[in-house]
Amino acid sequence: MARKPGTRATAEFVLFDVFYEDGSQRSNRRVPRTVLGCAEGDACANKYIAEQDRVIATKSGLPALAIKNIRRSVSKG
C-alpha cells in the first residue's frame, strides 16, 4: 500500500525557522535528523544551515547573511 504524501519527509527531517541579523526570516528549513544527534543538539542544526547558506551564497555571488537565531518550526498538525 502506498504511503501518505509527506510522511517520509517528516520522519527524516526536522524543520527550523531561521532568523537573520538583517531582520529577514526563512521558514521550514529542512535539517536531517542525523545532524541533530550531536552533543550540542540544535546548535548542530545552526552549523548545518550556516553551511547551506554559505554554499548558496557562493553559487549566487551574494554574501551570506549572518544567522541571529534558529528555532524549530511549530507543527501545524
PDB file of N, CA and C in Angstrom:
ATOM      1  N   MET A   1       0.835  -1.169   0.000  1.00  0.00           N
ATOM      2  CA  MET A   1       0.000   0.000   0.000  1.00  0.00           C
ATOM      3  C   MET A   1       0.887   1.242   0.000  1.00  0.00           C
ATOM      4  N   ALA A   2       0.506   2.244  -0.730  1.00  0.00           N
ATOM      5  CA  ALA A   2       1.302   3.460  -0.850  1.00  0.00           C
ATOM      6  C   ALA A   2       1.240   4.278   0.435  1.00  0.00           C
ATOM      7  N   ARG A   3       2.331   4.985   0.690  1.00  0.00           N
ATOM      8  CA  ARG A   3       2.381   5.873   1.858  1.00  0.00           C
ATOM      9  C   ARG A   3       1.647   7.168   1.586  1.00  0.00           C
ATOM     10  N   LYS A   4       1.249   7.820   2.657  1.00  0.00           N
ATOM     11  CA  LYS A   4       0.677   9.152   2.522  1.00  0.00           C
ATOM     12  C   LYS A   4       1.788  10.112   2.099  1.00  0.00           C
ATOM     13  N   PRO A   5       1.467  11.094   1.291  1.00  0.00           N
ATOM     14  CA  PRO A   5       2.500  12.068   0.924  1.00  0.00           C
ATOM     15  C   PRO A   5       3.004  12.806   2.161  1.00  0.00           C
ATOM     16  N   GLY A   6       4.309  12.999   2.225  1.00  0.00           N
ATOM     17  CA  GLY A   6       4.883  13.779   3.297  1.00  0.00           C
ATOM     18  C   GLY A   6       5.289  13.000   4.531  1.00  0.00           C
ATOM     19  N   THR A   7       4.932  11.745   4.657  1.00  0.00           N
ATOM     20  CA  THR A   7       5.275  11.017   5.873  1.00  0.00           C
ATOM     21  C   THR A   7       6.769  10.742   5.941  1.00  0.00           C
ATOM     22  N   ARG A   8       7.399  10.464   4.827  1.00  0.00           N
ATOM     23  CA  ARG A   8       8.829  10.186   4.823  1.00  0.00           C
ATOM     24  C   ARG A   8       9.629  11.437   5.151  1.00  0.00           C
ATOM     25  N   ALA A   9       9.234  12.565   4.589  1.00  0.00           N
ATOM     26  CA  ALA A   9       9.960  13.811   4.804  1.00  0.00           C
ATOM     27  C   ALA A   9       9.935  14.227   6.267  1.00  0.00           C
ATOM     28  N   THR A  10       8.822  14.066   6.931  1.00  0.00           N
ATOM     29  CA  THR A  10       8.739  14.476   8.333  1.00  0.00           C
ATOM     30  C   THR A  10       9.511  13.526   9.234  1.00  0.00           C
ATOM     31  N   ALA A  11       9.678  12.278   8.819  1.00  0.00           N
ATOM     32  CA  ALA A  11      10.416  11.328   9.632  1.00  0.00           C
ATOM     33  C   ALA A  11      11.926  11.525   9.496  1.00  0.00           C
ATOM     34  N   GLU A  12      12.384  11.982   8.348  1.00  0.00           N
ATOM     35  CA  GLU A  12      13.809  12.108   8.077  1.00  0.00           C
ATOM     36  C   GLU A  12      14.370  13.487   8.376  1.00  0.00           C
ATOM     37  N   PHE A  13      13.525  14.505   8.445  1.00  0.00           N
ATOM     38  CA  PHE A  13      13.978  15.881   8.609  1.00  0.00           C
ATOM     39  C   PHE A  13      13.259  16.565   9.762  1.00  0.00           C
ATOM     40  N   VAL A  14      13.932  17.568  10.322  1.00  0.00           N
ATOM     41  CA  VAL A  14      13.332  18.467  11.314  1.00  0.00           C
ATOM     42  C   VAL A  14      13.315  19.844  10.659  1.00  0.00           C
ATOM     43  N   LEU A  15      12.213  20.555  10.810  1.00  0.00           N
ATOM     44  CA  LEU A  15      12.068  21.867  10.193  1.00  0.00           C
ATOM     45  C   LEU A  15      12.441  22.969  11.185  1.00  0.00           C
ATOM     46  N   PHE A  16      13.164  23.973  10.692  1.00  0.00           N
ATOM     47  CA  PHE A  16      13.592  25.094  11.520  1.00  0.00           C
ATOM     48  C   PHE A  16      13.211  26.408  10.865  1.00  0.00           C
ATOM     49  N   ASP A  17      12.884  27.399  11.695  1.00  0.00           N
ATOM     50  CA  ASP A  17      12.741  28.778  11.250  1.00  0.00           C
ATOM     51  C   ASP A  17      14.069  29.461  11.535  1.00  0.00           C
ATOM     52  N   VAL A  18      14.572  30.196  10.542  1.00  0.00           N
ATOM     53  CA  VAL A  18      15.871  30.850  10.670  1.00  0.00           C
ATOM     54  C   VAL A  18      15.658  32.354  10.642  1.00  0.00           C
ATOM     55  N   PHE A  19      16.217  33.036  11.634  1.00  0.00           N
ATOM     56  CA  PHE A  19      16.123  34.489  11.734  1.00  0.00           C
ATOM     57  C   PHE A  19      17.525  35.057  11.504  1.00  0.00           C
ATOM     58  N   TYR A  20      17.617  36.051  10.615  1.00  0.00           N
ATOM     59  CA  TYR A  20      18.905  36.624  10.246  1.00  0.00           C
ATOM     60  C   TYR A  20      19.114  37.983  10.900  1.00  0.00           C
ATOM     61  N   GLU A  21      20.371  38.415  10.975  1.00  0.00           N
ATOM     62  CA  GLU A  21      20.743  39.691  11.596  1.00  0.00           C
ATOM     63  C   GLU A  21      20.044  40.877  10.940  1.00  0.00           C
ATOM     64  N   ASP A  22      19.758  40.794   9.637  1.00  0.00           N
ATOM     65  CA  ASP A  22      19.127  41.923   8.939  1.00  0.00           C
ATOM     66  C   ASP A  22      17.612  41.974   9.150  1.00  0.00           C
ATOM     67  N   GLY A  23      17.068  41.066   9.968  1.00  0.00           N
ATOM     68  CA  GLY A  23      15.644  41.048  10.263  1.00  0.00           C
ATOM     69  C   GLY A  23      14.825  40.127   9.377  1.00  0.00           C
ATOM     70  N   SER A  24      15.428  39.536   8.363  1.00  0.00           N
ATOM     71  CA  SER A  24      14.688  38.626   7.492  1.00  0.00           C
ATOM     72  C   SER A  24      14.542  37.255   8.158  1.00  0.00           C
ATOM     73  N   GLN A  25      13.631  36.458   7.616  1.00  0.00           N
ATOM     74  CA  GLN A  25      13.334  35.140   8.175  1.00  0.00           C
ATOM     75  C   GLN A  25      13.104  34.151   7.051  1.00  0.00           C
ATOM     76  N   ARG A  26      13.557  32.933   7.230  1.00  0.00           N
ATOM     77  CA  ARG A  26      13.269  31.830   6.320  1.00  0.00           C
ATOM     78  C   ARG A  26      12.625  30.733   7.160  1.00  0.00           C
ATOM     79  N   SER A  27      11.497  30.239   6.710  1.00  0.00           N
ATOM     80  CA  SER A  27      10.763  29.229   7.466  1.00  0.00           C
ATOM     81  C   SER A  27      10.932  27.850   6.849  1.00  0.00           C
ATOM     82  N   ASN A  28      10.785  26.853   7.698  1.00  0.00           N
ATOM     83  CA  ASN A  28      10.766  25.453   7.291  1.00  0.00           C
ATOM     84  C   ASN A  28      12.029  25.009   6.565  1.00  0.00           C
ATOM     85  N   ARG A  29      13.181  25.411   7.091  1.00  0.00           N
ATOM     86  CA  ARG A  29      14.447  24.922   6.546  1.00  0.00           C
ATOM     87  C   ARG A  29      14.640  23.498   7.052  1.00  0.00           C
ATOM     88  N   ARG A  30      14.891  22.582   6.142  1.00  0.00           N
ATOM     89  CA  ARG A  30      14.998  21.167   6.485  1.00  0.00           C
ATOM     90  C   ARG A  30      16.414  20.815   6.938  1.00  0.00           C
ATOM     91  N   VAL A  31      16.492  20.116   8.061  1.00  0.00           N
ATOM     92  CA  VAL A  31      17.760  19.624   8.593  1.00  0.00           C
ATOM     93  C   VAL A  31      17.576  18.129   8.855  1.00  0.00           C
ATOM     94  N   PRO A  32      18.466  17.287   8.315  1.00  0.00           N
ATOM     95  CA  PRO A  32      18.331  15.844   8.551  1.00  0.00           C
ATOM     96  C   PRO A  32      18.408  15.516  10.044  1.00  0.00           C
ATOM     97  N   ARG A  33      17.600  14.567  10.469  1.00  0.00           N
ATOM     98  CA  ARG A  33      17.605  14.161  11.881  1.00  0.00           C
ATOM     99  C   ARG A  33      18.975  13.649  12.307  1.00  0.00           C
ATOM    100  N   THR A  34      19.726  13.069  11.386  1.00  0.00           N
ATOM    101  CA  THR A  34      21.047  12.541  11.726  1.00  0.00           C
ATOM    102  C   THR A  34      21.994  13.656  12.175  1.00  0.00           C
ATOM    103  N   VAL A  35      21.804  14.870  11.690  1.00  0.00           N
ATOM    104  CA  VAL A  35      22.639  16.005  12.084  1.00  0.00           C
ATOM    105  C   VAL A  35      22.379  16.381  13.533  1.00  0.00           C
ATOM    106  N   LEU A  36      21.167  16.174  14.008  1.00  0.00           N
ATOM    107  CA  LEU A  36      20.786  16.586  15.359  1.00  0.00           C
ATOM    108  C   LEU A  36      21.260  15.617  16.437  1.00  0.00           C
ATOM    109  N   GLY A  37      21.955  14.570  16.045  1.00  0.00           N
ATOM    110  CA  GLY A  37      22.423  13.583  17.004  1.00  0.00           C
ATOM    111  C   GLY A  37      23.689  13.982  17.741  1.00  0.00           C
ATOM    112  N   CYS A  38      24.245  15.159  17.460  1.00  0.00           N
ATOM    113  CA  CYS A  38      25.483  15.575  18.122  1.00  0.00           C
ATOM    114  C   CYS A  38      25.200  16.047  19.544  1.00  0.00           C
ATOM    115  N   ALA A  39      26.249  16.253  20.309  1.00  0.00           N
ATOM    116  CA  ALA A  39      26.115  16.634  21.717  1.00  0.00           C
ATOM    117  C   ALA A  39      25.476  18.009  21.904  1.00  0.00           C
ATOM    118  N   GLU A  40      25.659  18.908  20.923  1.00  0.00           N
ATOM    119  CA  GLU A  40      25.123  20.263  21.053  1.00  0.00           C
ATOM    120  C   GLU A  40      23.647  20.370  20.673  1.00  0.00           C
ATOM    121  N   GLY A  41      23.039  19.333  20.143  1.00  0.00           N
ATOM    122  CA  GLY A  41      21.621  19.358  19.771  1.00  0.00           C
ATOM    123  C   GLY A  41      21.329  20.319  18.641  1.00  0.00           C
ATOM    124  N   ASP A  42      20.483  21.330  18.900  1.00  0.00           N
ATOM    125  CA  ASP A  42      20.071  22.253  17.851  1.00  0.00           C
ATOM    126  C   ASP A  42      21.204  23.160  17.377  1.00  0.00           C
ATOM    127  N   ALA A  43      22.284  23.273  18.141  1.00  0.00           N
ATOM    128  CA  ALA A  43      23.443  24.049  17.688  1.00  0.00           C
ATOM    129  C   ALA A  43      24.044  23.412  16.436  1.00  0.00           C
ATOM    130  N   CYS A  44      23.935  22.105  16.321  1.00  0.00           N
ATOM    131  CA  CYS A  44      24.404  21.415  15.113  1.00  0.00           C
ATOM    132  C   CYS A  44      23.549  21.813  13.916  1.00  0.00           C
ATOM    133  N   ALA A  45      22.274  22.037  14.141  1.00  0.00           N
ATOM    134  CA  ALA A  45      21.394  22.493  13.072  1.00  0.00           C
ATOM    135  C   ALA A  45      21.821  23.878  12.604  1.00  0.00           C
ATOM    136  N   ASN A  46      22.221  24.728  13.545  1.00  0.00           N
ATOM    137  CA  ASN A  46      22.687  26.066  13.205  1.00  0.00           C
ATOM    138  C   ASN A  46      23.914  25.976  12.285  1.00  0.00           C
ATOM    139  N   LYS A  47      24.847  25.116  12.618  1.00  0.00           N
ATOM    140  CA  LYS A  47      26.045  24.927  11.796  1.00  0.00           C
ATOM    141  C   LYS A  47      25.672  24.395  10.416  1.00  0.00           C
ATOM    142  N   TYR A  48      24.742  23.452  10.371  1.00  0.00           N
ATOM    143  CA  TYR A  48      24.314  22.853   9.104  1.00  0.00           C
ATOM    144  C   TYR A  48      23.657  23.903   8.205  1.00  0.00           C
ATOM    145  N   ILE A  49      22.780  24.720   8.774  1.00  0.00           N
ATOM    146  CA  ILE A  49      22.088  25.760   7.998  1.00  0.00           C
ATOM    147  C   ILE A  49      23.074  26.826   7.539  1.00  0.00           C
ATOM    148  N   ALA A  50      24.032  27.188   8.407  1.00  0.00           N
ATOM    149  CA  ALA A  50      25.044  28.176   8.028  1.00  0.00           C
ATOM    150  C   ALA A  50      25.864  27.669   6.843  1.00  0.00           C
ATOM    151  N   GLU A  51      26.177  26.393   6.840  1.00  0.00           N
ATOM    152  CA  GLU A  51      26.922  25.813   5.715  1.00  0.00           C
ATOM    153  C   GLU A  51      26.075  25.823   4.440  1.00  0.00           C
ATOM    154  N   GLN A  52      24.783  25.496   4.556  1.00  0.00           N
ATOM    155  CA  GLN A  52      23.882  25.576   3.402  1.00  0.00           C
ATOM    156  C   GLN A  52      23.867  27.006   2.850  1.00  0.00           C
ATOM    157  N   ASP A  53      23.746  27.987   3.747  1.00  0.00           N
ATOM    158  CA  ASP A  53      23.715  29.394   3.330  1.00  0.00           C
ATOM    159  C   ASP A  53      25.011  29.791   2.630  1.00  0.00           C
ATOM    160  N   ARG A  54      26.149  29.296   3.141  1.00  0.00           N
ATOM    161  CA  ARG A  54      27.443  29.611   2.534  1.00  0.00           C
ATOM    162  C   ARG A  54      27.533  29.071   1.109  1.00  0.00           C
ATOM    163  N   VAL A  55      27.062  27.836   0.912  1.00  0.00           N
ATOM    164  CA  VAL A  55      27.078  27.228  -0.423  1.00  0.00           C
ATOM    165  C   VAL A  55      26.165  28.004  -1.374  1.00  0.00           C
ATOM    166  N   ILE A  56      24.977  28.362  -0.899  1.00  0.00           N
ATOM    167  CA  ILE A  56      24.031  29.123  -1.719  1.00  0.00           C
ATOM    168  C   ILE A  56      24.623  30.481  -2.070  1.00  0.00           C
ATOM    169  N   ALA A  57      25.263  31.137  -1.103  1.00  0.00           N
ATOM    170  CA  ALA A  57      25.862  32.446  -1.345  1.00  0.00           C
ATOM    171  C   ALA A  57      26.993  32.347  -2.365  1.00  0.00           C
ATOM    172  N   THR A  58      27.785  31.300  -2.287  1.00  0.00           N
ATOM    173  CA  THR A  58      28.875  31.109  -3.238  1.00  0.00           C
ATOM    174  C   THR A  58      28.331  30.949  -4.658  1.00  0.00           C
ATOM    175  N   LYS A  59      27.274  30.168  -4.802  1.00  0.00           N
ATOM    176  CA  LYS A  59      26.685  29.941  -6.115  1.00  0.00           C
ATOM    177  C   LYS A  59      26.005  31.184  -6.665  1.00  0.00           C
ATOM    178  N   SER A  60      25.403  31.995  -5.789  1.00  0.00           N
ATOM    179  CA  SER A  60      24.661  33.170  -6.253  1.00  0.00           C
ATOM    180  C   SER A  60      25.552  34.398  -6.417  1.00  0.00           C
ATOM    181  N   GLY A  61      26.716  34.372  -5.782  1.00  0.00           N
ATOM    182  CA  GLY A  61      27.596  35.525  -5.849  1.00  0.00           C
ATOM    183  C   GLY A  61      27.234  36.618  -4.854  1.00  0.00           C
ATOM    184  N   LEU A  62      26.270  36.360  -3.999  1.00  0.00           N
ATOM    185  CA  LEU A  62      25.861  37.320  -2.971  1.00  0.00           C
ATOM    186  C   LEU A  62      26.455  36.903  -1.630  1.00  0.00           C
ATOM    187  N   PRO A  63      26.678  37.859  -0.716  1.00  0.00           N
ATOM    188  CA  PRO A  63      27.216  37.483   0.593  1.00  0.00           C
ATOM    189  C   PRO A  63      26.176  36.714   1.418  1.00  0.00           C
ATOM    190  N   ALA A  64      26.661  35.784   2.218  1.00  0.00           N
ATOM    191  CA  ALA A  64      25.770  35.028   3.101  1.00  0.00           C
ATOM    192  C   ALA A  64      25.305  35.924   4.241  1.00  0.00           C
ATOM    193  N   LEU A  65      24.054  35.761   4.644  1.00  0.00           N
ATOM    194  CA  LEU A  65      23.516  36.528   5.764  1.00  0.00           C
ATOM    195  C   LEU A  65      23.944  35.886   7.076  1.00  0.00           C
ATOM    196  N   ALA A  66      24.175  36.715   8.083  1.00  0.00           N
ATOM    197  CA  ALA A  66      24.536  36.211   9.404  1.00  0.00           C
ATOM    198  C   ALA A  66      23.276  35.740  10.122  1.00  0.00           C
ATOM    199  N   ILE A  67      23.341  34.537  10.673  1.00  0.00           N
ATOM    200  CA  ILE A  67      22.201  33.961  11.391  1.00  0.00           C
ATOM    201  C   ILE A  67      22.168  34.533  12.806  1.00  0.00           C
ATOM    202  N   LYS A  68      21.018  35.052  13.183  1.00  0.00           N
ATOM    203  CA  LYS A  68      20.819  35.597  14.526  1.00  0.00           C
ATOM    204  C   LYS A  68      20.337  34.508  15.471  1.00  0.00           C
ATOM    205  N   ASN A  69      19.341  33.720  14.994  1.00  0.00           N
ATOM    206  CA  ASN A  69      18.703  32.729  15.862  1.00  0.00           C
ATOM    207  C   ASN A  69      18.011  31.690  14.985  1.00  0.00           C
ATOM    208  N   ILE A  70      17.897  30.474  15.509  1.00  0.00           N
ATOM    209  CA  ILE A  70      17.072  29.450  14.867  1.00  0.00           C
ATOM    210  C   ILE A  70      16.149  28.862  15.915  1.00  0.00           C
ATOM    211  N   ARG A  71      15.005  28.349  15.458  1.00  0.00           N
ATOM    212  CA  ARG A  71      14.111  27.620  16.358  1.00  0.00           C
ATOM    213  C   ARG A  71      13.349  26.593  15.536  1.00  0.00           C
ATOM    214  N   ARG A  72      12.949  25.552  16.194  1.00  0.00           N
ATOM    215  CA  ARG A  72      12.187  24.519  15.500  1.00  0.00           C
ATOM    216  C   ARG A  72      10.845  25.098  15.060  1.00  0.00           C
ATOM    217  N   SER A  73      10.449  24.752  13.844  1.00  0.00           N
ATOM    218  CA  SER A  73       9.169  25.231  13.331  1.00  0.00           C
ATOM    219  C   SER A  73       8.026  24.596  14.105  1.00  0.00           C
ATOM    220  N   VAL A  74       6.966  25.338  14.290  1.00  0.00           N
ATOM    221  CA  VAL A  74       5.804  24.846  15.003  1.00  0.00           C
ATOM    222  C   VAL A  74       5.010  23.935  14.079  1.00  0.00           C
ATOM    223  N   SER A  75       4.674  22.752  14.553  1.00  0.00           N
ATOM    224  CA  SER A  75       3.886  21.810  13.760  1.00  0.00           C
ATOM    225  C   SER A  75       2.460  22.307  13.603  1.00  0.00           C
ATOM    226  N   LYS A  76       1.936  22.173  12.390  1.00  0.00           N
ATOM    227  CA  LYS A  76       0.571  22.603  12.128  1.00  0.00           C
ATOM    228  C   LYS A  76      -0.417  21.451  12.214  1.00  0.00           C
ATOM    229  N   GLY A  77       0.065  20.294  12.604  1.00  0.00           N
ATOM    230  CA  GLY A  77      -0.806  19.127  12.630  1.00  0.00           C
ATOM    231  C   GLY A  77      -1.302  18.760  13.911  1.00  0.00           C
TER     232      GLY A  77
END
